[in-house]
PDB file of N, CA and C in Angstrom:
ATOM      1  N   MET A   1     -13.430  12.441   7.674  1.00  0.00           N
ATOM      2  CA  MET A   1     -13.749  13.270   8.384  1.00  0.00           C
ATOM      3  C   MET A   1     -13.795  12.592   9.790  1.00  0.00           C
ATOM      4  N   THR A   2     -13.610  13.672  10.818  1.00  0.00           N
ATOM      5  CA  THR A   2     -13.762  13.710  12.123  1.00  0.00           C
ATOM      6  C   THR A   2     -15.055  13.252  12.418  1.00  0.00           C
ATOM      7  N   VAL A   3     -15.118  13.267  13.833  1.00  0.00           N
ATOM      8  CA  VAL A   3     -16.554  12.838  14.402  1.00  0.00           C
ATOM      9  C   VAL A   3     -17.151  14.046  14.478  1.00  0.00           C
ATOM     10  N   ALA A   4     -16.515  15.083  15.002  1.00  0.00           N
ATOM     11  CA  ALA A   4     -16.863  16.175  15.310  1.00  0.00           C
ATOM     12  C   ALA A   4     -17.228  16.912  13.923  1.00  0.00           C
ATOM     13  N   ALA A   5     -16.748  16.615  12.754  1.00  0.00           N
ATOM     14  CA  ALA A   5     -17.268  17.375  11.382  1.00  0.00           C
ATOM     15  C   ALA A   5     -18.779  16.706  10.939  1.00  0.00           C
ATOM     16  N   LYS A   6     -18.448  15.473  11.106  1.00  0.00           N
ATOM     17  CA  LYS A   6     -19.632  14.587  11.111  1.00  0.00           C
ATOM     18  C   LYS A   6     -21.112  15.275  11.787  1.00  0.00           C
ATOM     19  N   VAL A   7     -20.979  15.385  13.047  1.00  0.00           N
ATOM     20  CA  VAL A   7     -21.788  15.834  13.928  1.00  0.00           C
ATOM     21  C   VAL A   7     -22.194  17.173  13.235  1.00  0.00           C
ATOM     22  N   LEU A   8     -21.379  18.290  13.107  1.00  0.00           N
ATOM     23  CA  LEU A   8     -21.561  19.622  12.555  1.00  0.00           C
ATOM     24  C   LEU A   8     -22.401  19.583  11.270  1.00  0.00           C
ATOM     25  N   LEU A   9     -21.864  18.565  10.431  1.00  0.00           N
ATOM     26  CA  LEU A   9     -22.516  18.390   9.111  1.00  0.00           C
ATOM     27  C   LEU A   9     -23.837  17.970   9.488  1.00  0.00           C
ATOM     28  N   ALA A  10     -24.111  17.181  10.445  1.00  0.00           N
ATOM     29  CA  ALA A  10     -25.476  16.581  10.477  1.00  0.00           C
ATOM     30  C   ALA A  10     -26.530  17.326  11.102  1.00  0.00           C
ATOM     31  N   MET A  11     -25.797  18.317  12.015  1.00  0.00           N
ATOM     32  CA  MET A  11     -26.655  19.347  12.661  1.00  0.00           C
ATOM     33  C   MET A  11     -27.485  20.560  11.553  1.00  0.00           C
ATOM     34  N   HIS A  12     -26.384  20.867  10.390  1.00  0.00           N
ATOM     35  CA  HIS A  12     -26.793  21.600   9.460  1.00  0.00           C
ATOM     36  C   HIS A  12     -27.413  21.452   8.496  1.00  0.00           C
ATOM     37  N   LEU A  13     -27.867  20.003   8.339  1.00  0.00           N
ATOM     38  CA  LEU A  13     -28.099  19.773   7.071  1.00  0.00           C
ATOM     39  C   LEU A  13     -29.516  19.073   7.405  1.00  0.00           C
ATOM     40  N   PRO A  14     -30.419  18.866   6.472  1.00  0.00           N
ATOM     41  CA  PRO A  14     -31.341  17.664   6.744  1.00  0.00           C
ATOM     42  C   PRO A  14     -30.729  16.426   6.884  1.00  0.00           C
ATOM     43  N   PRO A  15     -31.779  15.351   7.347  1.00  0.00           N
ATOM     44  CA  PRO A  15     -31.107  14.026   7.879  1.00  0.00           C
ATOM     45  C   PRO A  15     -30.880  13.475   6.578  1.00  0.00           C
ATOM     46  N   SER A  16     -31.862  13.545   5.422  1.00  0.00           N
ATOM     47  CA  SER A  16     -31.331  12.532   4.242  1.00  0.00           C
ATOM     48  C   SER A  16     -29.857  13.337   3.784  1.00  0.00           C
ATOM     49  N   VAL A  17     -29.866  14.665   3.566  1.00  0.00           N
ATOM     50  CA  VAL A  17     -28.778  15.108   3.095  1.00  0.00           C
ATOM     51  C   VAL A  17     -27.477  14.861   4.014  1.00  0.00           C
ATOM     52  N   ALA A  18     -27.731  14.775   5.271  1.00  0.00           N
ATOM     53  CA  ALA A  18     -26.532  14.397   6.135  1.00  0.00           C
ATOM     54  C   ALA A  18     -26.052  12.866   6.080  1.00  0.00           C
ATOM     55  N   ALA A  19     -26.905  12.153   6.133  1.00  0.00           N
ATOM     56  CA  ALA A  19     -26.695  10.694   5.581  1.00  0.00           C
ATOM     57  C   ALA A  19     -26.307  10.329   4.440  1.00  0.00           C
ATOM     58  N   LEU A  20     -26.640  10.994   3.441  1.00  0.00           N
ATOM     59  CA  LEU A  20     -26.081  11.016   2.355  1.00  0.00           C
ATOM     60  C   LEU A  20     -24.329  11.515   2.123  1.00  0.00           C
ATOM     61  N   GLY A  21     -24.231  12.349   2.674  1.00  0.00           N
ATOM     62  CA  GLY A  21     -22.961  13.215   2.949  1.00  0.00           C
ATOM     63  C   GLY A  21     -21.805  12.292   3.631  1.00  0.00           C
ATOM     64  N   VAL A  22     -22.416  11.601   4.761  1.00  0.00           N
ATOM     65  CA  VAL A  22     -21.698  10.710   5.671  1.00  0.00           C
ATOM     66  C   VAL A  22     -21.507   9.787   4.878  1.00  0.00           C
ATOM     67  N   MET A  23     -22.412   8.870   4.297  1.00  0.00           N
ATOM     68  CA  MET A  23     -21.950   7.643   3.388  1.00  0.00           C
ATOM     69  C   MET A  23     -21.169   7.992   1.956  1.00  0.00           C
ATOM     70  N   LEU A  24     -21.155   9.292   1.503  1.00  0.00           N
ATOM     71  CA  LEU A  24     -20.626   9.302   0.205  1.00  0.00           C
ATOM     72  C   LEU A  24     -19.099   9.717   0.630  1.00  0.00           C
ATOM     73  N   VAL A  25     -18.851  10.558   1.657  1.00  0.00           N
ATOM     74  CA  VAL A  25     -17.235  10.885   1.802  1.00  0.00           C
ATOM     75  C   VAL A  25     -16.296   9.638   2.038  1.00  0.00           C
ATOM     76  N   PRO A  26     -16.586   8.812   2.744  1.00  0.00           N
ATOM     77  CA  PRO A  26     -15.712   7.479   2.813  1.00  0.00           C
ATOM     78  C   PRO A  26     -15.695   6.544   1.589  1.00  0.00           C
ATOM     79  N   THR A  27     -16.787   6.914   1.015  1.00  0.00           N
ATOM     80  CA  THR A  27     -16.817   5.883  -0.465  1.00  0.00           C
ATOM     81  C   THR A  27     -15.861   6.908  -1.394  1.00  0.00           C
ATOM     82  N   ALA A  28     -16.094   8.084  -1.289  1.00  0.00           N
ATOM     83  CA  ALA A  28     -15.056   8.823  -2.550  1.00  0.00           C
ATOM     84  C   ALA A  28     -13.647   8.787  -2.222  1.00  0.00           C
ATOM     85  N   VAL A  29     -13.200   8.751  -0.750  1.00  0.00           N
ATOM     86  CA  VAL A  29     -11.952   8.465  -0.342  1.00  0.00           C
ATOM     87  C   VAL A  29     -11.408   7.319  -0.843  1.00  0.00           C
ATOM     88  N   PHE A  30     -12.088   6.197  -0.407  1.00  0.00           N
ATOM     89  CA  PHE A  30     -11.662   4.956  -0.957  1.00  0.00           C
ATOM     90  C   PHE A  30     -11.586   4.728  -2.388  1.00  0.00           C
ATOM     91  N   ALA A  31     -12.849   5.468  -3.106  1.00  0.00           N
ATOM     92  CA  ALA A  31     -12.071   5.150  -4.559  1.00  0.00           C
ATOM     93  C   ALA A  31     -11.388   5.836  -5.191  1.00  0.00           C
ATOM     94  N   ALA A  32     -10.760   7.068  -4.556  1.00  0.00           N
ATOM     95  CA  ALA A  32      -9.374   7.718  -4.810  1.00  0.00           C
ATOM     96  C   ALA A  32      -8.432   7.180  -4.371  1.00  0.00           C
ATOM     97  N   LYS A  33      -8.057   6.236  -3.373  1.00  0.00           N
ATOM     98  CA  LYS A  33      -7.110   5.651  -3.032  1.00  0.00           C
ATOM     99  C   LYS A  33      -7.034   4.372  -4.112  1.00  0.00           C
ATOM    100  N   THR A  34      -8.087   3.793  -4.415  1.00  0.00           N
ATOM    101  CA  THR A  34      -7.850   2.707  -5.229  1.00  0.00           C
ATOM    102  C   THR A  34      -7.431   3.221  -6.519  1.00  0.00           C
ATOM    103  N   VAL A  35      -7.862   4.420  -6.989  1.00  0.00           N
ATOM    104  CA  VAL A  35      -7.461   4.652  -8.511  1.00  0.00           C
ATOM    105  C   VAL A  35      -5.866   5.387  -8.457  1.00  0.00           C
ATOM    106  N   ALA A  36      -5.767   5.756  -7.502  1.00  0.00           N
ATOM    107  CA  ALA A  36      -4.181   6.414  -7.176  1.00  0.00           C
ATOM    108  C   ALA A  36      -3.366   4.940  -7.267  1.00  0.00           C
ATOM    109  N   LEU A  37      -3.701   4.013  -6.545  1.00  0.00           N
ATOM    110  CA  LEU A  37      -3.093   2.744  -6.257  1.00  0.00           C
ATOM    111  C   LEU A  37      -2.764   2.162  -7.753  1.00  0.00           C
ATOM    112  N   MET A  38      -3.995   2.190  -8.409  1.00  0.00           N
ATOM    113  CA  MET A  38      -3.988   1.275  -9.953  1.00  0.00           C
ATOM    114  C   MET A  38      -2.971   2.306 -10.489  1.00  0.00           C
ATOM    115  N   VAL A  39      -3.260   3.621 -10.705  1.00  0.00           N
ATOM    116  CA  VAL A  39      -2.351   4.368 -11.627  1.00  0.00           C
ATOM    117  C   VAL A  39      -0.963   4.120 -10.878  1.00  0.00           C
ATOM    118  N   THR A  40      -0.682   4.062  -9.855  1.00  0.00           N
ATOM    119  CA  THR A  40       0.775   3.817  -9.447  1.00  0.00           C
ATOM    120  C   THR A  40       1.098   2.336  -9.962  1.00  0.00           C
ATOM    121  N   PHE A  41       0.548   1.586 -10.240  1.00  0.00           N
ATOM    122  CA  PHE A  41       0.857   0.077 -10.517  1.00  0.00           C
ATOM    123  C   PHE A  41       1.171   0.118 -11.973  1.00  0.00           C
ATOM    124  N   VAL A  42       0.330   0.905 -12.779  1.00  0.00           N
ATOM    125  CA  VAL A  42       0.246   0.977 -14.079  1.00  0.00           C
ATOM    126  C   VAL A  42       1.855   1.681 -14.421  1.00  0.00           C
ATOM    127  N   TRP A  43       1.876   3.089 -13.683  1.00  0.00           N
ATOM    128  CA  TRP A  43       2.992   4.033 -13.810  1.00  0.00           C
ATOM    129  C   TRP A  43       4.271   3.016 -13.848  1.00  0.00           C
ATOM    130  N   VAL A  44       4.392   2.074 -12.311  1.00  0.00           N
ATOM    131  CA  VAL A  44       5.679   1.562 -12.435  1.00  0.00           C
ATOM    132  C   VAL A  44       5.747   0.667 -13.743  1.00  0.00           C
ATOM    133  N   ARG A  45       4.716  -0.144 -14.063  1.00  0.00           N
ATOM    134  CA  ARG A  45       5.146  -1.453 -14.761  1.00  0.00           C
ATOM    135  C   ARG A  45       5.534  -0.769 -16.300  1.00  0.00           C
ATOM    136  N   TRP A  46       4.886   0.403 -16.546  1.00  0.00           N
ATOM    137  CA  TRP A  46       5.219   1.108 -17.980  1.00  0.00           C
ATOM    138  C   TRP A  46       6.889   1.559 -17.640  1.00  0.00           C
ATOM    139  N   THR A  47       7.228   2.149 -16.896  1.00  0.00           N
ATOM    140  CA  THR A  47       8.463   2.922 -16.768  1.00  0.00           C
ATOM    141  C   THR A  47       9.708   1.767 -16.742  1.00  0.00           C
ATOM    142  N   LEU A  48       9.260   0.806 -15.753  1.00  0.00           N
ATOM    143  CA  LEU A  48      10.693   0.043 -15.756  1.00  0.00           C
ATOM    144  C   LEU A  48      10.646  -1.176 -16.633  1.00  0.00           C
ATOM    145  N   PRO A  49      11.975  -1.499 -17.090  1.00  0.00           N
ATOM    146  CA  PRO A  49      11.940  -2.430 -18.135  1.00  0.00           C
ATOM    147  C   PRO A  49      11.459  -3.713 -17.735  1.00  0.00           C
ATOM    148  N   ARG A  50      11.373  -4.737 -18.601  1.00  0.00           N
ATOM    149  CA  ARG A  50      10.745  -6.179 -18.524  1.00  0.00           C
ATOM    150  C   ARG A  50      12.374  -6.976 -18.280  1.00  0.00           C
ATOM    151  N   PHE A  51      12.382  -7.531 -17.401  1.00  0.00           N
ATOM    152  CA  PHE A  51      13.493  -8.347 -16.946  1.00  0.00           C
ATOM    153  C   PHE A  51      13.447  -9.980 -17.938  1.00  0.00           C
ATOM    154  N   ARG A  52      14.473 -10.579 -18.772  1.00  0.00           N
ATOM    155  CA  ARG A  52      14.460 -11.543 -19.125  1.00  0.00           C
ATOM    156  C   ARG A  52      14.837 -12.723 -17.985  1.00  0.00           C
ATOM    157  N   TYR A  53      14.540 -13.918 -18.603  1.00  0.00           N
ATOM    158  CA  TYR A  53      14.685 -14.998 -17.717  1.00  0.00           C
ATOM    159  C   TYR A  53      15.839 -15.284 -17.011  1.00  0.00           C
ATOM    160  N   ASP A  54      16.872 -15.160 -17.992  1.00  0.00           N
ATOM    161  CA  ASP A  54      18.119 -15.211 -17.246  1.00  0.00           C
ATOM    162  C   ASP A  54      18.775 -14.038 -16.337  1.00  0.00           C
ATOM    163  N   GLN A  55      18.178 -12.824 -16.873  1.00  0.00           N
ATOM    164  CA  GLN A  55      18.428 -11.852 -15.683  1.00  0.00           C
ATOM    165  C   GLN A  55      17.859 -12.106 -14.324  1.00  0.00           C
ATOM    166  N   LEU A  56      16.554 -12.571 -14.420  1.00  0.00           N
ATOM    167  CA  LEU A  56      16.103 -13.262 -13.152  1.00  0.00           C
ATOM    168  C   LEU A  56      16.664 -14.101 -12.111  1.00  0.00           C
ATOM    169  N   MET A  57      17.083 -15.175 -13.267  1.00  0.00           N
ATOM    170  CA  MET A  57      17.953 -16.333 -12.453  1.00  0.00           C
ATOM    171  C   MET A  57      19.167 -15.849 -12.019  1.00  0.00           C
ATOM    172  N   ARG A  58      19.582 -15.031 -12.591  1.00  0.00           N
ATOM    173  CA  ARG A  58      21.141 -14.531 -12.272  1.00  0.00           C
ATOM    174  C   ARG A  58      20.930 -13.701 -10.896  1.00  0.00           C
ATOM    175  N   LEU A  59      19.682 -12.682 -11.004  1.00  0.00           N
ATOM    176  CA  LEU A  59      19.666 -11.846  -9.437  1.00  0.00           C
ATOM    177  C   LEU A  59      18.888 -12.907  -8.572  1.00  0.00           C
ATOM    178  N   GLY A  60      18.500 -13.964  -8.625  1.00  0.00           N
ATOM    179  CA  GLY A  60      17.938 -14.819  -7.452  1.00  0.00           C
ATOM    180  C   GLY A  60      19.430 -15.377  -7.123  1.00  0.00           C
ATOM    181  N   TRP A  61      20.259 -16.156  -8.072  1.00  0.00           N
ATOM    182  CA  TRP A  61      21.453 -16.924  -7.511  1.00  0.00           C
ATOM    183  C   TRP A  61      22.777 -16.102  -7.155  1.00  0.00           C
ATOM    184  N   LYS A  62      22.753 -14.857  -7.521  1.00  0.00           N
ATOM    185  CA  LYS A  62      24.151 -14.483  -7.093  1.00  0.00           C
ATOM    186  C   LYS A  62      23.484 -13.090  -6.325  1.00  0.00           C
ATOM    187  N   VAL A  63      22.455 -12.581  -5.941  1.00  0.00           N
ATOM    188  CA  VAL A  63      22.107 -11.758  -5.044  1.00  0.00           C
ATOM    189  C   VAL A  63      21.275 -11.912  -4.206  1.00  0.00           C
ATOM    190  N   LEU A  64      19.793 -12.330  -4.407  1.00  0.00           N
ATOM    191  CA  LEU A  64      19.157 -12.584  -3.392  1.00  0.00           C
ATOM    192  C   LEU A  64      19.448 -14.131  -2.494  1.00  0.00           C
ATOM    193  N   LEU A  65      19.931 -15.039  -3.021  1.00  0.00           N
ATOM    194  CA  LEU A  65      20.354 -16.067  -2.159  1.00  0.00           C
ATOM    195  C   LEU A  65      21.258 -15.733  -1.155  1.00  0.00           C
ATOM    196  N   PRO A  66      22.660 -15.454  -1.740  1.00  0.00           N
ATOM    197  CA  PRO A  66      23.449 -14.594  -0.495  1.00  0.00           C
ATOM    198  C   PRO A  66      22.953 -13.718   0.383  1.00  0.00           C
ATOM    199  N   LEU A  67      21.987 -12.693   0.185  1.00  0.00           N
ATOM    200  CA  LEU A  67      21.524 -11.744   1.025  1.00  0.00           C
ATOM    201  C   LEU A  67      20.636 -12.937   1.874  1.00  0.00           C
ATOM    202  N   SER A  68      19.960 -13.667   1.570  1.00  0.00           N
ATOM    203  CA  SER A  68      19.104 -14.452   2.331  1.00  0.00           C
ATOM    204  C   SER A  68      19.738 -15.358   3.435  1.00  0.00           C
ATOM    205  N   LEU A  69      20.925 -16.001   2.954  1.00  0.00           N
ATOM    206  CA  LEU A  69      21.872 -16.549   3.872  1.00  0.00           C
ATOM    207  C   LEU A  69      22.602 -15.785   4.939  1.00  0.00           C
ATOM    208  N   ILE A  70      22.839 -14.540   4.573  1.00  0.00           N
ATOM    209  CA  ILE A  70      23.158 -13.640   5.463  1.00  0.00           C
ATOM    210  C   ILE A  70      22.060 -13.262   6.439  1.00  0.00           C
ATOM    211  N   ASN A  71      20.995 -12.991   5.960  1.00  0.00           N
ATOM    212  CA  ASN A  71      19.881 -12.776   6.697  1.00  0.00           C
ATOM    213  C   ASN A  71      19.892 -13.794   7.780  1.00  0.00           C
ATOM    214  N   ILE A  72      19.946 -14.870   7.504  1.00  0.00           N
ATOM    215  CA  ILE A  72      19.709 -16.007   8.286  1.00  0.00           C
ATOM    216  C   ILE A  72      20.366 -16.181   9.480  1.00  0.00           C
ATOM    217  N   MET A  73      21.783 -15.951   9.012  1.00  0.00           N
ATOM    218  CA  MET A  73      23.090 -15.890   9.822  1.00  0.00           C
ATOM    219  C   MET A  73      23.038 -14.906  10.970  1.00  0.00           C
ATOM    220  N   LEU A  74      22.693 -13.931  10.701  1.00  0.00           N
ATOM    221  CA  LEU A  74      22.233 -12.322  11.302  1.00  0.00           C
ATOM    222  C   LEU A  74      21.422 -12.617  12.584  1.00  0.00           C
ATOM    223  N   THR A  75      20.233 -13.249  11.723  1.00  0.00           N
ATOM    224  CA  THR A  75      19.240 -13.587  13.080  1.00  0.00           C
ATOM    225  C   THR A  75      19.462 -14.883  13.874  1.00  0.00           C
ATOM    226  N   ALA A  76      20.392 -15.564  13.654  1.00  0.00           N
ATOM    227  CA  ALA A  76      20.845 -16.504  14.425  1.00  0.00           C
ATOM    228  C   ALA A  76      21.794 -16.103  15.436  1.00  0.00           C
ATOM    229  N   PHE A  77      22.692 -15.377  14.985  1.00  0.00           N
ATOM    230  CA  PHE A  77      23.658 -14.543  15.972  1.00  0.00           C
ATOM    231  C   PHE A  77      22.809 -13.707  16.955  1.00  0.00           C
ATOM    232  N   MET A  78      22.106 -13.269  16.414  1.00  0.00           N
ATOM    233  CA  MET A  78      21.085 -12.083  17.364  1.00  0.00           C
ATOM    234  C   MET A  78      20.372 -12.634  18.242  1.00  0.00           C
ATOM    235  N   LEU A  79      19.854 -13.858  17.995  1.00  0.00           N
ATOM    236  CA  LEU A  79      18.984 -15.086  18.969  1.00  0.00           C
ATOM    237  C   LEU A  79      20.101 -15.892  20.118  1.00  0.00           C
ATOM    238  N   LEU A  80      21.155 -16.024  19.298  1.00  0.00           N
ATOM    239  CA  LEU A  80      22.242 -16.495  20.043  1.00  0.00           C
ATOM    240  C   LEU A  80      22.664 -15.475  21.358  1.00  0.00           C
ATOM    241  N   ALA A  81      23.010 -14.079  21.035  1.00  0.00           N
ATOM    242  CA  ALA A  81      23.514 -13.353  21.674  1.00  0.00           C
ATOM    243  C   ALA A  81      22.450 -12.717  22.647  1.00  0.00           C
ATOM    244  N   ARG A  82      21.240 -13.095  22.820  1.00  0.00           N
ATOM    245  CA  ARG A  82      20.175 -12.875  23.698  1.00  0.00           C
ATOM    246  C   ARG A  82      20.243 -13.383  24.592  1.00  0.00           C
TER     247      ARG A  82
END
């Protein structure tokens, strides 16, 4: 909620209810974001297949290592060209 909305809420409600609303809204938003993130993690974990150890090793050596070396060389060339 914006500051203006909080001020308007505080003006039209008794102080105890206004304070409760100002405290509950950020707490509810935080809880909703936390639940959404947890559901997304579970959803991705259930959707994607698990990798075997040999598949992870192949990915690391044949894909990620060359990409990281290319990244290092490109960064070095960019720093030298600067």
